[in-house]
Amino acid sequence: MLIENGTRRNLLFVGTGITISHVEGLSQASVERPSSIEAAARHLSFTKAANELPVTQAAVSCHILTLEDHLQVQLFNRGNQKVSLSAPGEELVEAVTLSLWHMAAAFDSVQGGRGPSP
């Protein structure tokens, strides 16, 4: 979810309760739902990704289509009832997964290693 606040935007990552600010020049499409593409890639299914995240399958599909449109590249190869990652999709998912891992580690670190708060 994106919350406008002057020249900065606050980004709430689905399922984390964490808000991250980013500079106005960054595209909402490129940072709004990194968890959608990561989950869809891990499951190779938009439906399974949606079941994991608190969103619908249509929302996951829309997030990915919006990102593909923004980047002007196909991230997933779509077949009859299945998806696979394209080469650019594999590259992006690797970076997104690493970024999410770094964020989780940083959150854990600043909480003194005690894990997320309830």
C-alpha atoms as a PDB file:
ATOM      1  CA  MET A   1       0.000   0.000   0.000  1.00  0.00           C
ATOM      2  CA  LEU A   2       1.357   3.417  -0.921  1.00  0.00           C
ATOM      3  CA  ILE A   3       0.738   6.408   1.346  1.00  0.00           C
ATOM      4  CA  GLU A   4       1.445   9.849  -0.121  1.00  0.00           C
ATOM      5  CA  ASN A   5       3.232  12.285   2.175  1.00  0.00           C
ATOM      6  CA  GLY A   6       4.528  15.393   0.403  1.00  0.00           C
ATOM      7  CA  THR A   7       7.507  14.593  -1.818  1.00  0.00           C
ATOM      8  CA  ARG A   8       8.145  11.245  -0.138  1.00  0.00           C
ATOM      9  CA  ARG A   9       6.103   8.080  -0.266  1.00  0.00           C
ATOM     10  CA  ASN A  10       5.731   5.470   2.419  1.00  0.00           C
ATOM     11  CA  LEU A  11       5.540   1.865   1.341  1.00  0.00           C
ATOM     12  CA  LEU A  12       3.841  -0.787   3.450  1.00  0.00           C
ATOM     13  CA  PHE A  13       5.013  -4.288   2.515  1.00  0.00           C
ATOM     14  CA  VAL A  14       2.234  -6.855   2.557  1.00  0.00           C
ATOM     15  CA  GLY A  15       2.294  -9.091   5.592  1.00  0.00           C
ATOM     16  CA  THR A  16       5.173  -7.328   7.351  1.00  0.00           C
ATOM     17  CA  GLY A  17       3.540  -4.295   8.918  1.00  0.00           C
ATOM     18  CA  ILE A  18       6.736  -2.432   8.012  1.00  0.00           C
ATOM     19  CA  THR A  19       6.724   0.958   6.321  1.00  0.00           C
ATOM     20  CA  ILE A  20       9.667   1.967   4.176  1.00  0.00           C
ATOM     21  CA  SER A  21      10.104   5.450   2.728  1.00  0.00           C
ATOM     22  CA  HIS A  22      11.435   5.964  -0.738  1.00  0.00           C
ATOM     23  CA  VAL A  23      12.266   8.968  -2.883  1.00  0.00           C
ATOM     24  CA  GLU A  24       9.594  10.345  -5.228  1.00  0.00           C
ATOM     25  CA  GLY A  25      11.626   9.464  -8.332  1.00  0.00           C
ATOM     26  CA  LEU A  26      11.210   5.714  -7.822  1.00  0.00           C
ATOM     27  CA  SER A  27       8.274   4.105  -9.536  1.00  0.00           C
ATOM     28  CA  GLN A  28       5.429   2.764  -7.435  1.00  0.00           C
ATOM     29  CA  ALA A  29       5.205  -0.222  -9.801  1.00  0.00           C
ATOM     30  CA  SER A  30       8.817  -1.178  -9.198  1.00  0.00           C
ATOM     31  CA  VAL A  31       8.565  -1.287  -5.421  1.00  0.00           C
ATOM     32  CA  GLU A  32       4.913  -1.693  -4.434  1.00  0.00           C
ATOM     33  CA  ARG A  33       4.606  -5.472  -4.116  1.00  0.00           C
ATOM     34  CA  PRO A  34       7.951  -7.275  -4.135  1.00  0.00           C
ATOM     35  CA  SER A  35       6.384 -10.075  -2.116  1.00  0.00           C
ATOM     36  CA  SER A  36       3.935 -10.831  -4.960  1.00  0.00           C
ATOM     37  CA  ILE A  37       6.628 -11.578  -7.523  1.00  0.00           C
ATOM     38  CA  GLU A  38       8.759 -13.467  -4.988  1.00  0.00           C
ATOM     39  CA  ALA A  39       5.874 -15.683  -3.864  1.00  0.00           C
ATOM     40  CA  ALA A  40       4.644 -16.272  -7.436  1.00  0.00           C
ATOM     41  CA  ALA A  41       8.159 -17.277  -8.494  1.00  0.00           C
ATOM     42  CA  ARG A  42       8.656 -19.575  -5.512  1.00  0.00           C
ATOM     43  CA  HIS A  43       5.330 -21.351  -6.054  1.00  0.00           C
ATOM     44  CA  LEU A  44       5.253 -20.961  -9.857  1.00  0.00           C
ATOM     45  CA  SER A  45       1.601 -20.144  -9.301  1.00  0.00           C
ATOM     46  CA  PHE A  46      -0.250 -16.851  -8.906  1.00  0.00           C
ATOM     47  CA  THR A  47      -3.023 -18.645  -6.996  1.00  0.00           C
ATOM     48  CA  LYS A  48      -0.634 -20.215  -4.465  1.00  0.00           C
ATOM     49  CA  ALA A  49       1.141 -16.866  -4.074  1.00  0.00           C
ATOM     50  CA  ALA A  50      -2.199 -15.190  -3.341  1.00  0.00           C
ATOM     51  CA  ASN A  51      -3.070 -17.885  -0.802  1.00  0.00           C
ATOM     52  CA  GLU A  52       0.202 -17.130   1.005  1.00  0.00           C
ATOM     53  CA  LEU A  53      -0.291 -13.351   0.890  1.00  0.00           C
ATOM     54  CA  PRO A  54      -3.377 -11.519   2.138  1.00  0.00           C
ATOM     55  CA  VAL A  55      -4.486 -10.738  -1.453  1.00  0.00           C
ATOM     56  CA  THR A  56      -6.487 -12.317  -4.258  1.00  0.00           C
ATOM     57  CA  GLN A  57      -5.081 -14.176  -7.250  1.00  0.00           C
ATOM     58  CA  ALA A  58      -6.270 -11.296  -9.415  1.00  0.00           C
ATOM     59  CA  ALA A  59      -4.265  -8.850  -7.279  1.00  0.00           C
ATOM     60  CA  VAL A  60      -1.066 -10.910  -7.663  1.00  0.00           C
ATOM     61  CA  SER A  61      -1.648 -11.115 -11.413  1.00  0.00           C
ATOM     62  CA  CYS A  62      -2.304  -7.368 -11.578  1.00  0.00           C
ATOM     63  CA  HIS A  63       0.857  -6.573  -9.559  1.00  0.00           C
ATOM     64  CA  ILE A  64       2.960  -8.675 -11.917  1.00  0.00           C
ATOM     65  CA  LEU A  65       1.309  -7.348 -15.084  1.00  0.00           C
ATOM     66  CA  THR A  66       1.812  -3.777 -13.845  1.00  0.00           C
ATOM     67  CA  LEU A  67       5.473  -4.455 -13.153  1.00  0.00           C
ATOM     68  CA  GLU A  68       5.916  -6.153 -16.543  1.00  0.00           C
ATOM     69  CA  ASP A  69       4.270  -3.168 -18.228  1.00  0.00           C
ATOM     70  CA  HIS A  70       6.463  -0.730 -16.307  1.00  0.00           C
ATOM     71  CA  LEU A  71       9.661  -2.642 -17.120  1.00  0.00           C
ATOM     72  CA  GLN A  72       8.462  -3.465 -20.649  1.00  0.00           C
ATOM     73  CA  VAL A  73       9.636  -7.050 -20.241  1.00  0.00           C
ATOM     74  CA  GLN A  74       7.854 -10.350 -19.631  1.00  0.00           C
ATOM     75  CA  LEU A  75       8.801 -11.750 -16.220  1.00  0.00           C
ATOM     76  CA  PHE A  76       6.702 -14.923 -16.396  1.00  0.00           C
ATOM     77  CA  ASN A  77       5.978 -17.333 -19.224  1.00  0.00           C
ATOM     78  CA  ARG A  78       2.307 -18.195 -18.979  1.00  0.00           C
ATOM     79  CA  GLY A  79       0.977 -21.554 -20.080  1.00  0.00           C
ATOM     80  CA  ASN A  80      -2.200 -23.535 -19.598  1.00  0.00           C
ATOM     81  CA  GLN A  81      -2.679 -23.456 -15.813  1.00  0.00           C
ATOM     82  CA  LYS A  82       1.059 -22.983 -15.129  1.00  0.00           C
ATOM     83  CA  VAL A  83       3.716 -20.300 -15.148  1.00  0.00           C
ATOM     84  CA  SER A  84       7.489 -20.274 -15.310  1.00  0.00           C
ATOM     85  CA  LEU A  85      10.040 -17.520 -14.978  1.00  0.00           C
ATOM     86  CA  SER A  86      11.534 -15.890 -18.056  1.00  0.00           C
ATOM     87  CA  ALA A  87      15.265 -15.050 -18.028  1.00  0.00           C
ATOM     88  CA  PRO A  88      14.589 -11.427 -16.971  1.00  0.00           C
ATOM     89  CA  GLY A  89      12.142 -12.755 -14.372  1.00  0.00           C
ATOM     90  CA  GLU A  90      14.809 -15.016 -12.892  1.00  0.00           C
ATOM     91  CA  GLU A  91      17.212 -12.075 -12.663  1.00  0.00           C
ATOM     92  CA  LEU A  92      14.637  -9.836 -10.976  1.00  0.00           C
ATOM     93  CA  VAL A  93      13.410 -12.520  -8.572  1.00  0.00           C
ATOM     94  CA  GLU A  94      16.974 -13.216  -7.454  1.00  0.00           C
ATOM     95  CA  ALA A  95      17.448  -9.529  -6.606  1.00  0.00           C
ATOM     96  CA  VAL A  96      14.012  -9.207  -4.953  1.00  0.00           C
ATOM     97  CA  THR A  97      14.528 -12.350  -2.858  1.00  0.00           C
ATOM     98  CA  LEU A  98      17.937 -11.158  -1.706  1.00  0.00           C
ATOM     99  CA  SER A  99      16.516  -7.729  -0.873  1.00  0.00           C
ATOM    100  CA  LEU A 100      13.646  -9.218   1.147  1.00  0.00           C
ATOM    101  CA  TRP A 101      16.110 -11.461   2.976  1.00  0.00           C
ATOM    102  CA  HIS A 102      18.324  -8.460   3.809  1.00  0.00           C
ATOM    103  CA  MET A 103      15.300  -6.532   5.068  1.00  0.00           C
ATOM    104  CA  ALA A 104      14.201  -9.414   7.291  1.00  0.00           C
ATOM    105  CA  ALA A 105      17.738  -9.760   8.681  1.00  0.00           C
ATOM    106  CA  ALA A 106      17.929  -6.020   9.350  1.00  0.00           C
ATOM    107  CA  PHE A 107      14.561  -6.023  11.121  1.00  0.00           C
ATOM    108  CA  ASP A 108      15.675  -8.973  13.231  1.00  0.00           C
ATOM    109  CA  SER A 109      18.971  -7.251  14.013  1.00  0.00           C
ATOM    110  CA  VAL A 110      17.416  -3.989  15.193  1.00  0.00           C
ATOM    111  CA  GLN A 111      15.010  -5.967  17.352  1.00  0.00           C
ATOM    112  CA  GLY A 112      17.984  -7.559  19.069  1.00  0.00           C
ATOM    113  CA  GLY A 113      17.496 -10.932  17.399  1.00  0.00           C
ATOM    114  CA  ARG A 114      14.194 -11.515  19.136  1.00  0.00           C
ATOM    115  CA  GLY A 115      12.176 -11.774  15.917  1.00  0.00           C
ATOM    116  CA  PRO A 116       9.105  -9.848  14.804  1.00  0.00           C
ATOM    117  CA  SER A 117       6.710  -8.389  17.356  1.00  0.00           C
ATOM    118  CA  PRO A 118       3.207  -9.856  17.464  1.00  0.00           C
END
